[in-house]
Protein backbone atom coordinates (compact mmCIF):
# COMPACT_ATOMS: atom_id res chain seq x y z
CA UNK A 1 -4.16 -14.73 -3.41
CA UNK A 2 -5.09 -11.85 -1.13
CA UNK A 3 -3.57 -8.49 -2.01
CA UNK A 4 -3.85 -5.30 -0.01
CA UNK A 5 -2.77 -2.01 -1.56
CA UNK A 6 -1.85 0.93 0.69
CA UNK A 7 -0.76 4.40 -0.37
CA UNK A 8 1.95 5.94 1.79
CA UNK A 9 0.89 8.31 4.57
CA UNK A 10 1.36 12.11 4.66
CA UNK A 11 4.95 13.10 3.93
CA UNK A 12 6.97 16.30 3.91
CA UNK A 13 5.52 18.65 1.31
CA UNK A 14 7.41 19.17 -1.93
CA UNK A 15 6.77 22.90 -1.35
CA UNK A 16 8.69 22.88 1.94
CA UNK A 17 11.95 24.81 1.43
CA UNK A 18 13.78 22.10 3.40
CA UNK A 19 12.27 19.28 1.33
CA UNK A 20 14.87 16.64 0.44
CA UNK A 21 14.95 14.86 -2.94
CA UNK A 22 11.72 12.94 -3.63
CA UNK A 23 13.01 9.46 -2.69
CA UNK A 24 14.13 10.82 0.70
CA UNK A 25 10.90 12.52 1.75
CA UNK A 26 9.90 11.19 5.19
CA UNK A 27 6.51 11.00 6.86
CA UNK A 28 5.47 13.99 8.91
CA UNK A 29 4.68 13.49 12.59
CA UNK A 30 0.99 13.94 11.72
CA UNK A 31 1.31 11.40 8.90
CA UNK A 32 2.99 8.90 11.19
CA UNK A 33 0.37 9.32 13.95
CA UNK A 34 -2.53 8.99 11.50
CA UNK A 35 -0.98 5.93 9.86
CA UNK A 36 -0.57 4.25 13.24
CA UNK A 37 -4.34 4.63 13.78
CA UNK A 38 -5.11 3.48 10.24
CA UNK A 39 -2.85 0.43 10.67
CA UNK A 40 -4.89 -0.63 13.69
CA UNK A 41 -7.98 -0.26 11.48
CA UNK A 42 -6.35 -2.53 8.89
CA UNK A 43 -5.68 -5.11 11.58
CA UNK A 44 -9.34 -4.96 12.67
CA UNK A 45 -10.24 -5.72 9.04
CA UNK A 46 -8.03 -8.82 9.38
CA UNK A 47 -5.41 -7.55 6.98
CA UNK A 48 -2.76 -10.11 7.89
CA UNK A 49 -0.14 -10.28 5.15
CA UNK A 50 2.64 -12.84 5.10
CA UNK A 51 4.65 -10.47 2.89
CA UNK A 52 4.92 -6.68 2.82
CA UNK A 53 6.45 -5.15 -0.30
CA UNK A 54 7.25 -1.46 -0.41
CA UNK A 55 8.65 1.17 -2.70
CA UNK A 56 12.22 2.01 -1.72
CA UNK A 57 11.13 5.65 -1.25
CA UNK A 58 11.42 6.57 2.44
CA UNK A 59 7.78 7.62 3.00
CA UNK A 60 6.46 4.30 1.64
CA UNK A 61 9.00 2.29 3.63
CA UNK A 62 8.04 4.11 6.85
CA UNK A 63 4.35 3.48 6.15
CA UNK A 64 4.97 -0.23 5.55
CA UNK A 65 6.98 -0.50 8.77
CA UNK A 66 4.15 1.09 10.77
CA UNK A 67 1.75 -1.51 9.36
CA UNK A 68 4.20 -4.36 10.08
CA UNK A 69 4.49 -3.23 13.72
CA UNK A 70 0.73 -3.73 14.26
CA UNK A 71 0.71 -7.35 13.08
CA UNK A 72 0.45 -10.17 15.65
CA UNK A 73 3.41 -11.94 14.02
CA UNK A 74 6.71 -10.76 12.51
CA UNK A 75 6.75 -9.83 8.83
CA UNK A 76 9.82 -8.58 7.00
CA UNK A 77 9.28 -5.43 4.93
CA UNK A 78 10.90 -5.93 1.53
CA UNK A 79 11.80 -3.08 -0.81
CA UNK A 80 11.16 -3.51 -4.51
CA UNK A 81 11.79 -1.17 -7.41
CA UNK A 82 8.55 -2.46 -8.98
CA UNK A 83 6.69 -0.14 -6.57
CA UNK A 84 8.54 3.02 -7.57
CA UNK A 85 6.17 5.72 -8.91
CA UNK A 86 7.16 5.43 -12.58
CA UNK A 87 6.97 1.63 -12.90
CA UNK A 88 4.48 -0.27 -15.05
CA UNK A 89 2.07 -2.18 -12.75
CA UNK A 90 2.74 -5.32 -14.81
CA UNK A 91 6.27 -5.44 -13.35
CA UNK A 92 4.84 -5.78 -9.83
CA UNK A 93 2.22 -8.31 -10.95
CA UNK A 94 4.98 -10.44 -12.45
CA UNK A 95 6.88 -10.24 -9.17
CA UNK A 96 3.76 -11.22 -7.23
CA UNK A 97 3.34 -14.23 -9.50
CA UNK A 98 6.57 -15.62 -8.08
CA UNK A 99 5.37 -15.30 -4.45
CA UNK A 100 3.44 -18.59 -4.30
CA UNK A 101 0.10 -17.00 -3.44
CA UNK A 102 1.26 -15.61 -0.09
CA UNK A 103 -1.16 -12.94 1.20
CA UNK A 104 0.70 -9.75 0.36
CA UNK A 105 0.43 -6.07 1.24
CA UNK A 106 2.05 -3.53 -1.07
CA UNK A 107 2.82 0.05 -0.13
CA UNK A 108 3.58 2.70 -2.71
CA UNK A 109 2.51 5.83 -4.53
CA UNK A 110 -0.31 7.35 -6.55
CA UNK A 111 -1.09 7.16 -9.39
CA UNK A 112 0.97 3.96 -9.78
CA UNK A 113 -1.20 2.09 -7.26
CA UNK A 114 -4.41 3.29 -8.94
CA UNK A 115 -3.08 1.85 -12.20
CA UNK A 116 -2.28 -1.40 -10.41
CA UNK A 117 -5.80 -1.67 -9.01
CA UNK A 118 -7.33 -1.01 -12.43
CA UNK A 119 -5.10 -3.68 -13.99
CA UNK A 120 -5.96 -6.23 -11.29
CA UNK A 121 -9.72 -5.88 -11.81
CA UNK A 122 -9.31 -5.63 -15.61
CA UNK A 123 -10.78 -2.11 -15.77
CA UNK A 124 -10.20 -0.13 -18.98
CA UNK A 125 -8.73 2.78 -16.99
CA UNK A 126 -8.01 3.98 -13.46
CA UNK A 127 -11.15 4.40 -11.36
CA UNK A 128 -9.69 4.88 -7.86
CA UNK A 129 -7.84 7.78 -6.36
CA UNK A 130 -6.22 6.46 -3.22
CA UNK A 131 -5.71 9.12 -0.59
CA UNK A 132 -2.54 9.15 1.48
CA UNK A 133 -2.93 6.33 3.99
CA UNK A 134 -5.91 4.83 2.11
CA UNK A 135 -6.17 1.13 1.33
CA UNK A 136 -7.84 -1.39 -0.96
CA UNK A 137 -8.52 -5.09 -0.40
CA UNK A 138 -8.30 -7.33 -3.46
CA UNK A 139 -8.51 -11.03 -4.21
CA UNK A 140 -6.69 -12.64 -7.11
CA UNK A 141 -8.28 -16.11 -7.36
CA UNK A 142 -6.49 -17.00 -10.59
CA UNK A 143 -3.18 -15.43 -9.61
CA UNK A 144 -1.71 -11.98 -10.25
CA UNK A 145 -2.00 -12.10 -14.04
CA UNK A 146 -5.71 -13.05 -14.06
CA UNK A 147 -8.61 -10.67 -13.33
CA UNK A 148 -9.15 -10.08 -9.63
CA UNK A 149 -11.94 -8.94 -7.34
CA UNK A 150 -12.12 -5.63 -5.47
CA UNK A 151 -13.55 -6.38 -2.02
CA UNK A 152 -13.24 -2.97 -0.38
CA UNK A 153 -11.69 0.47 -0.71
CA UNK A 154 -11.36 2.69 2.34
CA UNK A 155 -10.10 6.21 2.77
CA UNK A 156 -7.67 6.86 5.63
CA UNK A 157 -10.34 8.53 7.76
CA UNK A 158 -12.45 5.36 7.78
CA UNK A 159 -9.42 3.25 8.64
CA UNK A 160 -8.55 5.58 11.51
CA UNK A 161 -12.12 5.43 12.80
CA UNK A 162 -11.93 1.64 12.81
CA UNK A 163 -8.58 1.86 14.59
CA UNK A 164 -9.86 4.06 17.40
CA UNK A 165 -13.00 2.04 18.18
């Protein structure tokens, strides 16, 4: 199973006096623009998921939709509570186990996604720190509950550079 992990793009700052409750924080215009470029970079890396799962938080959903719009075929973006920031990564892995090995992209939050990556590669602790709009490419040859392989990890700047070439 192929699994791509993407952290949501730049959202409204929690320090902004007009900041809504955390689940309702949207992407900024800058975050949206940068994610559009990064999504093209993901496509150039042949990130072609059959499923896109996202946290129900607005900023993650918007990020996932930007990625879906760059794909050469339609993919429905599905919300799942297993990608909320406070969830145990094992909940998502269990959900992925029911997906019949469909190449899947997940979009969520740090540090939850860093914990997920560590769990997938059977690391004793988190070793990544995904930046907003950053992505990781994984392979799970034995399925979601068996150790996987980290193929690449790219910061958003590298993805944007790929997207603008």
